[in-house]
Amino acid sequence: MMKNKKSLCVAFALFVSVQLFSATMQSRVRQIPKNLQEQVFIEPKDTLMDVTKALVSGISDASTKVKIIHDWICDNIAYDCNVFTDAGAGPQGFEAVLKKKKAVCAGYANLMAVMCGIVNIECEIVYGWSKGFNYPGYLWPESDHAWNAVKLGGRWKLIDVTWDAGFVEGTTFIKRYTNQWYNLTPDQFGYSHLPEEDKWQLLPEKQIRSHEQFEREPYVPGVFFEYGLSFGKNAPCYKNEISEAMSFDFSASKNTVMLYADMYGKSQSDMTNCVWMENAGRNKKCIFDVPDKASYTARVGARTEGVVNNPTYFLQGDFEQNVLPAARNLFAQKKITKNEIDFFERSYTLVAENRRYYYIEDLFDTQRNAANTKILKLLNKNTSRYENVITFEVHAAADYEGKGTTDIFPIMYRNYLSAANIRLESPLVHTLKKGTEYHFAVTTNAYNHMAFVLPENTFVFLTKNPKTGSFELDFTIPEDIQTLGVYASKDKKEFVTLFEYALK
């Protein structure tokens, strides 16, 4: 990794394949006269002033001007993945960036500063560290990233154009616009960016983050705050050493926010059953444990209940063997037009390193976007996607061997995760022993009835305790069943699965 200011380049957000896609780009970025737009990438020194002034012509509000400039850069400049090769990314002055139409963070920041200067908006380049691509959990001796501070209405605002332009998968840049690194407060921005000079934290002296604090805090992208989330008193660290199950609390300002958590090891194997979630209205709790002495990466995802989005990518095998043939079959059945299937076939690009097909974004290509959404809806491929909002590491302390199994907690189902208020009091384990009696207790006001459903559709109901408000039952596990699911209903007519135990 290169760590000098002339080649600041490789600090790209972790898990950036999961980002907020609801941001709207200013339409002015596509309204520059064609000859002027083309010329700026040939003779930038002579043309950039005219392009910049055309972008903000008739606009008096400085904040709107900055957003337009930010969006134009995101729309026109790709991340230069040559930085990952021996050739390197090369010069990052604004002329070199425009001629290549590529940049690394220093180039993005330079271009932003020059364009803001043209319209008399004070803009500084800020150098520092970031929790980005390949962040090792500690700071390098020299800073590794660059972003901007823009002065609006007498107050400074922090912006990271690089991270708002898209993300890198392997050595391929995926264009994916977002404004999550544009709308943050200084304190929120500071979870992922630490400037060399404390003054650019833009915080009161008592709130200035030290290097040690920055290293200690988890990775928190801007989307965490867009979901209205905030930490409780026991927020996780970036590296967490545990001697028993760890938990932390946070709250959501919106009742419609749903959360999901997972954990994986170096082999990328999913450790979903090592994680448990609790909802208590807007207060949430995550519980994590480890199976052994290895180190694991934990993530929390969020989504808005009822909001359905298109997938950002498909696995190569799934796309080539299932999705694309199924889309072509829709055309054969005359459910879509020739233009729609053509749009769909040209809308995805394969990233060989991870064998995924990514959607080629163009926020202004409304016909192609509409065709893609229509086809995915017909194929039932639209998803309620969880976006990464917290990332940290978990490993066992010297005196803890872990649980000895990757199956620690029960299997959670969607209806458990979506319940506004629910907590499994006991037994909070993955596997139960047949022929053994357990005390079951589930606290919730989201449902009026709770039961086990045994063979031959036999319902065994838990009784609501008027003192505790919990649904409770002392129940001996039958010998003739293989799993035990807990079901719930509001009207005793339609039951849904909340969670499930394995049996031995």
Protein backbone atom coordinates (compact mmCIF):
# COMPACT_ATOMS: atom_id res chain seq x y z
CA MET A 1 0.00 0.00 0.00
CA MET A 2 1.29 3.44 -0.92
CA LYS A 3 0.96 5.87 1.92
CA ASN A 4 2.22 9.23 0.70
CA LYS A 5 0.07 12.18 -0.26
CA LYS A 6 0.98 12.04 -3.95
CA SER A 7 -0.46 8.58 -4.24
CA LEU A 8 -3.31 8.56 -1.74
CA CYS A 9 -5.56 6.09 -3.35
CA VAL A 10 -6.65 2.85 -1.78
CA ALA A 11 -8.95 3.91 1.04
CA PHE A 12 -12.29 2.65 -0.22
CA ALA A 13 -15.21 1.82 2.05
CA LEU A 14 -15.46 -1.70 3.45
CA PHE A 15 -18.40 -3.81 2.30
CA VAL A 16 -19.27 -1.09 -0.15
CA SER A 17 -21.24 -3.50 -2.30
CA VAL A 18 -23.99 -2.72 0.15
CA GLN A 19 -24.83 0.95 0.06
CA LEU A 20 -27.80 3.27 0.05
CA PHE A 21 -29.17 3.73 -3.47
CA SER A 22 -32.02 6.19 -2.83
CA ALA A 23 -29.90 9.31 -3.38
CA THR A 24 -30.88 11.61 -6.23
CA MET A 25 -28.31 13.15 -8.53
CA GLN A 26 -28.74 16.73 -9.70
CA SER A 27 -30.08 16.72 -13.29
CA ARG A 28 -27.81 19.63 -14.25
CA VAL A 29 -24.84 17.28 -14.50
CA ARG A 30 -26.22 16.07 -17.87
CA GLN A 31 -27.28 19.47 -19.19
CA ILE A 32 -23.87 20.85 -20.19
CA PRO A 33 -23.65 21.60 -23.96
CA LYS A 34 -22.29 18.48 -25.64
CA ASN A 35 -19.28 20.13 -27.27
CA LEU A 36 -18.25 21.74 -23.98
CA GLN A 37 -18.69 18.50 -22.03
CA GLU A 38 -16.53 16.61 -24.52
CA GLN A 39 -13.85 19.30 -24.71
CA VAL A 40 -13.26 19.42 -20.95
CA PHE A 41 -11.77 15.92 -21.10
CA ILE A 42 -9.45 16.97 -23.96
CA GLU A 43 -8.38 20.48 -22.94
CA PRO A 44 -9.34 20.73 -19.24
CA LYS A 45 -7.14 23.73 -18.49
CA ASP A 46 -8.98 25.84 -21.08
CA THR A 47 -12.46 24.42 -20.55
CA LEU A 48 -13.06 23.53 -16.89
CA MET A 49 -13.96 27.10 -15.92
CA ASP A 50 -16.67 27.24 -18.60
CA VAL A 51 -18.04 23.82 -17.62
CA THR A 52 -18.16 24.70 -13.93
CA LYS A 53 -19.88 28.02 -14.55
CA ALA A 54 -22.39 26.33 -16.87
CA LEU A 55 -23.17 23.77 -14.19
CA VAL A 56 -24.18 26.41 -11.64
CA SER A 57 -25.51 29.08 -13.99
CA GLY A 58 -28.48 30.85 -12.42
CA ILE A 59 -27.93 29.17 -9.04
CA SER A 60 -27.41 31.55 -6.12
CA ASP A 61 -27.37 29.07 -3.24
CA ALA A 62 -23.81 28.00 -2.45
CA SER A 63 -24.89 24.65 -0.99
CA THR A 64 -26.72 23.74 -4.21
CA LYS A 65 -23.65 24.70 -6.24
CA VAL A 66 -21.46 22.38 -4.17
CA LYS A 67 -23.93 19.51 -4.55
CA ILE A 68 -24.01 19.97 -8.34
CA ILE A 69 -20.21 19.97 -8.54
CA HIS A 70 -20.05 16.91 -6.26
CA ASP A 71 -22.57 15.10 -8.46
CA TRP A 72 -20.84 16.03 -11.73
CA ILE A 73 -17.56 14.59 -10.47
CA CYS A 74 -19.30 11.40 -9.28
CA ASP A 75 -21.00 11.04 -12.67
CA ASN A 76 -17.91 11.60 -14.80
CA ILE A 77 -14.85 10.35 -12.90
CA ALA A 78 -14.22 6.66 -12.27
CA TYR A 79 -11.94 5.29 -9.58
CA ASP A 80 -8.56 4.45 -11.11
CA CYS A 81 -7.93 0.79 -10.36
CA ASN A 82 -4.45 1.03 -11.90
CA VAL A 83 -3.50 1.94 -8.35
CA PHE A 84 -3.56 -1.80 -7.65
CA THR A 85 -0.95 -2.47 -10.37
CA ASP A 86 2.75 -1.72 -10.70
CA ALA A 87 1.88 1.12 -13.10
CA GLY A 88 0.07 3.02 -10.37
CA ALA A 89 -2.53 5.74 -10.76
CA GLY A 90 -0.12 8.47 -11.85
CA PRO A 91 -0.52 12.24 -11.41
CA GLN A 92 -3.64 13.43 -9.58
CA GLY A 93 -3.81 17.08 -10.61
CA PHE A 94 -7.16 18.17 -12.03
CA GLU A 95 -5.86 18.19 -15.63
CA ALA A 96 -4.56 14.62 -15.45
CA VAL A 97 -7.77 13.45 -13.76
CA LEU A 98 -10.01 14.98 -16.43
CA LYS A 99 -7.92 13.70 -19.34
CA LYS A 100 -8.06 10.14 -17.95
CA LYS A 101 -11.60 10.48 -16.56
CA LYS A 102 -10.13 8.50 -13.66
CA ALA A 103 -8.78 9.37 -10.24
CA VAL A 104 -7.92 8.09 -6.81
CA CYS A 105 -8.94 9.97 -3.68
CA ALA A 106 -6.34 12.72 -4.06
CA GLY A 107 -7.50 13.36 -7.62
CA TYR A 108 -11.16 13.51 -6.65
CA ALA A 109 -10.35 15.94 -3.85
CA ASN A 110 -8.15 18.10 -6.11
CA LEU A 111 -10.84 18.38 -8.76
CA MET A 112 -13.49 19.22 -6.16
CA ALA A 113 -11.31 21.99 -4.73
CA VAL A 114 -10.54 23.51 -8.15
CA MET A 115 -14.18 23.52 -9.30
CA CYS A 116 -15.40 25.05 -6.02
CA GLY A 117 -12.68 27.70 -6.32
CA ILE A 118 -13.92 28.64 -9.79
CA VAL A 119 -17.31 29.63 -8.31
CA ASN A 120 -15.67 31.36 -5.31
CA ILE A 121 -16.54 28.70 -2.74
CA GLU A 122 -13.79 28.03 -0.21
CA CYS A 123 -12.76 24.37 -0.37
CA GLU A 124 -9.82 22.65 1.30
CA ILE A 125 -8.25 19.25 0.70
CA VAL A 126 -8.07 17.24 3.92
CA TYR A 127 -5.52 14.45 4.32
CA GLY A 128 -5.94 11.69 6.83
CA TRP A 129 -6.73 8.07 7.63
CA SER A 130 -9.88 6.12 6.90
CA LYS A 131 -11.58 2.87 7.71
CA GLY A 132 -11.65 1.89 4.08
CA PHE A 133 -10.51 -0.83 1.72
CA ASN A 134 -8.24 -3.33 3.52
CA TYR A 135 -8.38 -1.39 6.81
CA PRO A 136 -6.23 -3.58 9.10
CA GLY A 137 -7.72 -2.40 12.40
CA TYR A 138 -4.95 0.09 13.09
CA LEU A 139 -3.59 3.27 11.47
CA TRP A 140 -0.69 3.22 9.04
CA PRO A 141 2.31 5.41 9.97
CA GLU A 142 1.32 7.80 7.16
CA SER A 143 -2.17 8.86 6.17
CA ASP A 144 -3.89 6.99 3.35
CA HIS A 145 -6.85 9.08 2.16
CA ALA A 146 -7.99 12.53 1.05
CA TRP A 147 -11.36 14.30 1.13
CA ASN A 148 -12.70 17.86 1.19
CA ALA A 149 -13.92 20.52 3.59
CA VAL A 150 -16.21 23.12 2.00
CA LYS A 151 -17.22 26.39 3.65
CA LEU A 152 -20.93 27.13 3.38
CA GLY A 153 -22.67 29.94 5.22
CA GLY A 154 -19.59 30.53 7.34
CA ARG A 155 -19.42 26.88 8.49
CA TRP A 156 -17.27 24.05 7.22
CA LYS A 157 -18.80 20.87 5.80
CA LEU A 158 -16.96 17.58 5.19
CA ILE A 159 -17.41 15.69 1.90
CA ASP A 160 -15.88 12.53 0.44
CA VAL A 161 -16.49 12.54 -3.32
CA THR A 162 -14.44 9.38 -3.82
CA TRP A 163 -16.65 7.19 -1.72
CA ASP A 164 -19.84 8.76 -3.11
CA ALA A 165 -18.83 7.90 -6.70
CA GLY A 166 -18.98 4.11 -6.30
CA PHE A 167 -16.95 1.22 -5.00
CA VAL A 168 -14.25 -1.27 -5.94
CA GLU A 169 -14.72 -5.02 -6.27
CA GLY A 170 -11.43 -6.80 -6.78
CA THR A 171 -9.73 -4.46 -9.27
CA THR A 172 -12.94 -3.26 -10.92
CA PHE A 173 -14.69 0.04 -10.21
CA ILE A 174 -18.45 -0.22 -9.92
CA LYS A 175 -20.13 3.11 -10.52
CA ARG A 176 -22.77 3.54 -7.81
CA TYR A 177 -23.75 7.04 -6.78
CA THR A 178 -24.62 7.87 -3.20
CA ASN A 179 -24.67 11.02 -1.10
CA GLN A 180 -24.08 9.29 2.22
CA TRP A 181 -20.63 10.91 2.51
CA TYR A 182 -22.13 14.30 1.72
CA ASN A 183 -24.81 14.66 4.38
CA LEU A 184 -22.98 13.70 7.59
CA THR A 185 -22.31 15.83 10.64
CA PRO A 186 -18.62 16.16 11.64
CA ASP A 187 -19.05 13.64 14.48
CA GLN A 188 -20.73 11.11 12.16
CA PHE A 189 -18.07 11.65 9.49
CA GLY A 190 -15.42 11.00 12.12
CA TYR A 191 -16.35 7.32 12.53
CA SER A 192 -14.72 6.63 9.16
CA HIS A 193 -12.35 9.58 8.56
CA LEU A 194 -9.57 10.87 10.81
CA PRO A 195 -7.72 13.97 9.51
CA GLU A 196 -4.03 14.57 10.12
CA GLU A 197 -4.90 17.97 11.57
CA ASP A 198 -7.36 17.89 14.46
CA LYS A 199 -8.96 21.14 13.33
CA TRP A 200 -10.54 19.34 10.37
CA GLN A 201 -12.55 17.13 12.67
CA LEU A 202 -14.67 20.29 13.04
CA LEU A 203 -15.52 19.29 16.62
CA PRO A 204 -15.26 21.06 19.98
CA GLU A 205 -11.92 20.43 21.68
CA LYS A 206 -13.42 18.01 24.25
CA GLN A 207 -14.89 15.85 21.46
CA ILE A 208 -11.73 15.55 19.33
CA ARG A 209 -11.02 11.92 18.45
CA SER A 210 -7.56 10.63 19.24
CA HIS A 211 -5.86 8.06 17.04
CA GLU A 212 -6.54 5.47 19.73
CA GLN A 213 -10.26 6.25 19.84
CA PHE A 214 -10.55 6.15 16.06
CA GLU A 215 -8.87 2.75 15.94
CA ARG A 216 -11.08 1.51 18.77
CA GLU A 217 -14.43 2.49 17.22
CA PRO A 218 -16.25 0.17 14.78
CA TYR A 219 -16.58 0.95 11.10
CA VAL A 220 -19.79 2.96 10.73
CA PRO A 221 -20.68 4.10 7.19
CA GLY A 222 -22.87 7.11 6.53
CA VAL A 223 -25.92 4.97 5.86
CA PHE A 224 -26.04 4.10 9.59
CA PHE A 225 -27.11 7.65 10.31
CA GLU A 226 -29.42 7.86 7.30
CA TYR A 227 -31.42 5.06 8.90
CA GLY A 228 -31.69 7.16 12.05
CA LEU A 229 -29.57 4.75 14.13
CA SER A 230 -27.53 5.68 17.19
CA PHE A 231 -25.43 3.69 19.66
CA GLY A 232 -26.34 3.03 23.27
CA LYS A 233 -23.81 3.12 26.09
CA ASN A 234 -22.02 -0.11 25.18
CA ALA A 235 -21.14 0.34 21.52
CA PRO A 236 -18.82 -2.33 20.09
CA CYS A 237 -15.15 -1.67 19.47
CA TYR A 238 -13.53 -2.37 16.12
CA LYS A 239 -11.72 -5.32 17.74
CA ASN A 240 -13.64 -7.09 20.51
CA GLU A 241 -12.03 -9.70 22.75
CA ILE A 242 -14.70 -11.72 24.55
CA SER A 243 -14.85 -14.32 27.32
CA GLU A 244 -18.59 -14.89 26.86
CA ALA A 245 -21.33 -13.74 24.52
CA MET A 246 -21.03 -10.00 23.83
CA SER A 247 -23.98 -7.68 23.28
CA PHE A 248 -24.55 -4.04 22.46
CA ASP A 249 -27.56 -1.77 22.17
CA PHE A 250 -28.58 0.96 19.79
CA SER A 251 -31.77 2.72 18.87
CA ALA A 252 -33.62 3.60 15.67
CA SER A 253 -35.53 6.84 15.31
CA LYS A 254 -37.84 5.19 12.76
CA ASN A 255 -40.24 2.37 13.62
CA THR A 256 -39.97 0.97 10.09
CA VAL A 257 -36.25 0.11 10.33
CA MET A 258 -35.47 -3.62 10.43
CA LEU A 259 -32.07 -5.01 11.42
CA TYR A 260 -30.16 -8.18 10.63
CA ALA A 261 -26.73 -9.32 11.74
CA ASP A 262 -24.25 -11.94 10.58
CA MET A 263 -20.69 -13.04 11.21
CA TYR A 264 -18.12 -14.78 9.04
CA GLY A 265 -14.61 -16.15 9.24
CA LYS A 266 -11.56 -15.93 7.00
CA SER A 267 -13.05 -18.52 4.66
CA GLN A 268 -16.08 -16.21 4.24
CA SER A 269 -18.24 -18.98 5.68
CA ASP A 270 -21.46 -17.62 7.17
CA MET A 271 -21.82 -17.82 10.95
CA THR A 272 -25.43 -16.61 11.07
CA ASN A 273 -26.36 -18.84 13.99
CA CYS A 274 -23.65 -17.21 16.11
CA VAL A 275 -25.75 -14.03 16.17
CA TRP A 276 -29.01 -13.12 17.90
CA MET A 277 -31.19 -10.02 17.65
CA GLU A 278 -33.73 -8.45 20.01
CA ASN A 279 -36.26 -5.72 19.28
CA ALA A 280 -37.86 -3.56 21.94
CA GLY A 281 -39.63 -0.93 19.91
CA ARG A 282 -36.99 1.45 18.66
CA ASN A 283 -34.37 -0.07 20.97
CA LYS A 284 -32.36 -2.91 19.45
CA LYS A 285 -29.87 -5.40 20.84
CA CYS A 286 -27.33 -7.59 19.04
CA ILE A 287 -25.72 -10.60 20.70
CA PHE A 288 -22.62 -12.29 19.26
CA ASP A 289 -20.61 -15.32 20.30
CA VAL A 290 -17.75 -17.27 18.72
CA PRO A 291 -17.41 -21.01 18.08
CA ASP A 292 -13.65 -21.22 18.65
CA LYS A 293 -10.39 -19.26 19.00
CA ALA A 294 -10.45 -17.82 15.48
CA SER A 295 -11.15 -14.17 14.64
CA TYR A 296 -14.46 -13.25 12.98
CA THR A 297 -15.93 -10.24 11.22
CA ALA A 298 -19.39 -9.21 12.38
CA ARG A 299 -21.82 -6.96 10.52
CA VAL A 300 -25.19 -5.40 11.18
CA GLY A 301 -27.48 -4.59 8.28
CA ALA A 302 -30.56 -2.38 8.11
CA ARG A 303 -33.47 -1.95 5.74
CA THR A 304 -36.80 -0.17 5.72
CA GLU A 305 -39.86 -2.38 6.18
CA GLY A 306 -41.92 -2.55 3.00
CA VAL A 307 -39.23 -1.08 0.73
CA VAL A 308 -38.23 -3.43 -2.09
CA ASN A 309 -35.09 -2.83 -4.17
CA ASN A 310 -33.42 -4.41 -7.15
CA PRO A 311 -30.37 -6.59 -6.38
CA THR A 312 -27.05 -4.81 -6.93
CA TYR A 313 -25.49 -7.98 -8.32
CA PHE A 314 -26.06 -11.64 -9.15
CA LEU A 315 -23.62 -14.51 -8.71
CA GLN A 316 -22.21 -15.51 -12.10
CA GLY A 317 -23.69 -19.01 -12.09
CA ASP A 318 -27.12 -17.81 -11.02
CA PHE A 319 -27.18 -15.02 -13.61
CA GLU A 320 -25.97 -17.12 -16.55
CA GLN A 321 -27.93 -20.28 -15.73
CA ASN A 322 -31.12 -18.90 -14.22
CA VAL A 323 -31.72 -15.15 -14.36
CA LEU A 324 -30.76 -14.40 -17.96
CA PRO A 325 -32.51 -17.49 -19.47
CA ALA A 326 -35.62 -16.69 -17.43
CA ALA A 327 -35.59 -13.09 -18.69
CA ARG A 328 -35.29 -14.31 -22.28
CA ASN A 329 -38.18 -16.67 -21.65
CA LEU A 330 -40.31 -13.68 -20.63
CA PHE A 331 -39.64 -12.21 -24.08
CA ALA A 332 -40.53 -15.54 -25.73
CA GLN A 333 -43.81 -15.47 -23.83
CA LYS A 334 -44.37 -11.86 -24.99
CA LYS A 335 -44.45 -10.57 -21.42
CA ILE A 336 -41.72 -8.05 -22.23
CA THR A 337 -40.68 -6.26 -25.40
CA LYS A 338 -37.58 -6.68 -27.57
CA ASN A 339 -36.28 -3.33 -26.31
CA GLU A 340 -36.75 -4.41 -22.69
CA ILE A 341 -34.83 -7.67 -23.04
CA ASP A 342 -32.08 -5.82 -24.97
CA PHE A 343 -31.83 -3.27 -22.18
CA PHE A 344 -31.62 -6.05 -19.60
CA GLU A 345 -28.91 -8.02 -21.41
CA ARG A 346 -26.71 -4.90 -21.68
CA SER A 347 -27.28 -3.82 -18.09
CA TYR A 348 -24.89 -6.10 -16.23
CA THR A 349 -21.10 -6.44 -16.19
CA LEU A 350 -19.11 -9.40 -14.92
CA VAL A 351 -16.39 -8.85 -12.32
CA ALA A 352 -14.13 -11.85 -12.84
CA GLU A 353 -12.42 -11.63 -9.43
CA ASN A 354 -15.55 -12.43 -7.46
CA ARG A 355 -17.70 -13.92 -10.25
CA ARG A 356 -20.53 -11.49 -9.88
CA TYR A 357 -22.61 -9.60 -12.44
CA TYR A 358 -23.14 -5.99 -11.31
CA TYR A 359 -25.82 -3.66 -12.57
CA ILE A 360 -24.34 -0.86 -14.70
CA GLU A 361 -25.73 2.26 -13.10
CA ASP A 362 -26.99 5.28 -15.00
CA LEU A 363 -29.48 7.19 -12.91
CA PHE A 364 -30.68 9.14 -15.95
CA ASP A 365 -31.32 6.17 -18.26
CA THR A 366 -34.95 5.87 -17.17
CA GLN A 367 -35.96 3.44 -19.93
CA ARG A 368 -33.23 0.94 -19.08
CA ASN A 369 -33.83 1.28 -15.35
CA ALA A 370 -37.57 0.76 -15.83
CA ALA A 371 -36.99 -2.31 -18.00
CA ASN A 372 -34.62 -3.81 -15.44
CA THR A 373 -37.07 -3.22 -12.58
CA LYS A 374 -39.98 -4.67 -14.59
CA ILE A 375 -38.10 -7.84 -15.50
CA LEU A 376 -36.76 -8.42 -12.00
CA LYS A 377 -40.25 -7.97 -10.61
CA LEU A 378 -41.67 -10.51 -13.07
CA LEU A 379 -38.87 -12.90 -12.07
CA ASN A 380 -39.53 -12.21 -8.38
CA LYS A 381 -35.91 -11.14 -8.00
CA ASN A 382 -36.60 -7.83 -6.27
CA THR A 383 -35.34 -8.00 -2.72
CA SER A 384 -35.68 -6.34 0.63
CA ARG A 385 -31.97 -5.69 0.84
CA TYR A 386 -30.13 -5.14 4.10
CA GLU A 387 -27.43 -2.48 3.85
CA ASN A 388 -24.31 -2.74 5.98
CA VAL A 389 -24.42 -0.21 8.84
CA ILE A 390 -21.81 -1.52 11.33
CA THR A 391 -18.68 -3.66 10.92
CA PHE A 392 -16.32 -4.93 13.62
CA GLU A 393 -14.23 -7.94 14.62
CA VAL A 394 -14.80 -10.51 17.37
CA HIS A 395 -12.36 -13.04 18.79
CA ALA A 396 -12.07 -15.15 21.92
CA ALA A 397 -9.94 -14.05 24.85
CA ALA A 398 -7.10 -16.26 26.05
CA ASP A 399 -9.31 -17.80 28.76
CA TYR A 400 -12.23 -18.59 26.39
CA GLU A 401 -12.39 -21.51 23.97
CA GLY A 402 -15.66 -20.45 22.34
CA LYS A 403 -18.85 -22.50 22.16
CA GLY A 404 -17.35 -25.37 20.20
CA THR A 405 -20.02 -25.15 17.49
CA THR A 406 -21.11 -22.71 14.80
CA ASP A 407 -24.73 -23.25 15.85
CA ILE A 408 -25.10 -21.20 19.04
CA PHE A 409 -28.48 -19.44 18.80
CA PRO A 410 -31.83 -20.51 17.32
CA ILE A 411 -32.55 -19.95 13.62
CA MET A 412 -34.24 -16.57 13.15
CA TYR A 413 -36.98 -16.04 10.58
CA ARG A 414 -38.09 -12.84 8.86
CA ASN A 415 -41.19 -12.48 11.03
CA TYR A 416 -39.06 -12.53 14.17
CA LEU A 417 -36.78 -9.84 12.79
CA SER A 418 -39.70 -7.67 11.65
CA ALA A 419 -41.61 -7.84 14.95
CA ALA A 420 -41.60 -4.40 16.55
CA ASN A 421 -41.22 -5.74 20.06
CA ILE A 422 -39.96 -9.23 20.84
CA ARG A 423 -37.45 -10.97 23.08
CA LEU A 424 -36.68 -14.64 23.57
CA GLU A 425 -36.06 -15.02 27.28
CA SER A 426 -35.33 -18.77 27.26
CA PRO A 427 -33.95 -21.07 26.10
CA LEU A 428 -31.56 -18.94 24.05
CA VAL A 429 -29.66 -21.87 22.48
CA HIS A 430 -29.59 -23.49 19.07
CA THR A 431 -30.03 -27.15 19.96
CA LEU A 432 -32.37 -28.78 22.48
CA LYS A 433 -32.27 -32.34 23.76
CA LYS A 434 -35.21 -34.62 23.06
CA GLY A 435 -37.02 -35.95 26.12
CA THR A 436 -35.83 -32.99 28.19
CA GLU A 437 -38.10 -30.38 29.76
CA TYR A 438 -37.36 -26.70 29.11
CA HIS A 439 -38.95 -23.49 30.28
CA PHE A 440 -39.91 -21.46 27.22
CA ALA A 441 -40.53 -17.71 27.62
CA VAL A 442 -41.00 -15.12 24.88
CA THR A 443 -41.87 -11.50 25.62
CA THR A 444 -43.72 -9.63 22.87
CA ASN A 445 -46.69 -7.38 22.26
CA ALA A 446 -46.51 -7.89 18.50
CA TYR A 447 -48.60 -11.10 18.66
CA ASN A 448 -51.56 -12.33 20.69
CA HIS A 449 -50.95 -16.07 20.41
CA MET A 450 -47.85 -18.26 20.41
CA ALA A 451 -47.50 -22.01 19.90
CA PHE A 452 -45.42 -24.99 18.87
CA VAL A 453 -46.79 -26.80 15.81
CA LEU A 454 -46.22 -30.54 16.11
CA PRO A 455 -46.88 -33.35 13.59
CA GLU A 456 -50.44 -33.72 12.30
CA ASN A 457 -50.93 -29.98 12.76
CA THR A 458 -51.13 -30.26 16.54
CA PHE A 459 -50.82 -26.87 18.28
CA VAL A 460 -49.29 -26.57 21.73
CA PHE A 461 -49.92 -23.03 23.00
CA LEU A 462 -47.76 -20.99 25.30
CA THR A 463 -49.71 -19.11 27.95
CA LYS A 464 -49.33 -15.40 28.50
CA ASN A 465 -48.19 -14.62 32.04
CA PRO A 466 -50.22 -11.61 33.28
CA LYS A 467 -47.42 -10.56 35.63
CA THR A 468 -44.46 -10.66 33.23
CA GLY A 469 -46.30 -10.26 29.92
CA SER A 470 -44.32 -13.22 28.57
CA PHE A 471 -45.69 -16.21 26.70
CA GLU A 472 -44.49 -19.14 28.81
CA LEU A 473 -44.62 -22.93 28.89
CA ASP A 474 -42.73 -25.77 30.58
CA PHE A 475 -42.49 -28.26 27.75
CA THR A 476 -40.79 -31.64 27.29
CA ILE A 477 -39.35 -32.10 23.79
CA PRO A 478 -41.04 -35.08 22.06
CA GLU A 479 -38.84 -37.90 20.81
CA ASP A 480 -40.55 -38.15 17.39
CA ILE A 481 -39.79 -34.66 15.97
CA GLN A 482 -36.65 -33.37 14.26
CA THR A 483 -37.00 -29.60 14.80
CA LEU A 484 -39.11 -27.38 17.02
CA GLY A 485 -40.49 -24.15 15.59
CA VAL A 486 -42.10 -21.33 17.54
CA TYR A 487 -45.08 -19.82 15.72
CA ALA A 488 -47.10 -16.70 16.43
CA SER A 489 -50.41 -15.16 15.38
CA LYS A 490 -52.39 -11.99 15.93
CA ASP A 491 -55.80 -13.57 15.33
CA LYS A 492 -55.24 -17.32 15.97
CA LYS A 493 -55.97 -17.95 12.29
CA GLU A 494 -52.76 -17.25 10.44
CA PHE A 495 -49.53 -18.34 12.14
CA VAL A 496 -46.01 -17.36 11.09
CA THR A 497 -42.66 -18.87 12.07
CA LEU A 498 -40.58 -16.76 14.46
CA PHE A 499 -37.61 -18.99 15.16
CA GLU A 500 -36.64 -22.64 15.19
CA TYR A 501 -34.60 -25.01 17.38
CA ALA A 502 -32.57 -27.99 16.25
CA LEU A 503 -33.01 -31.19 18.27
CA LYS A 504 -30.73 -34.03 19.25
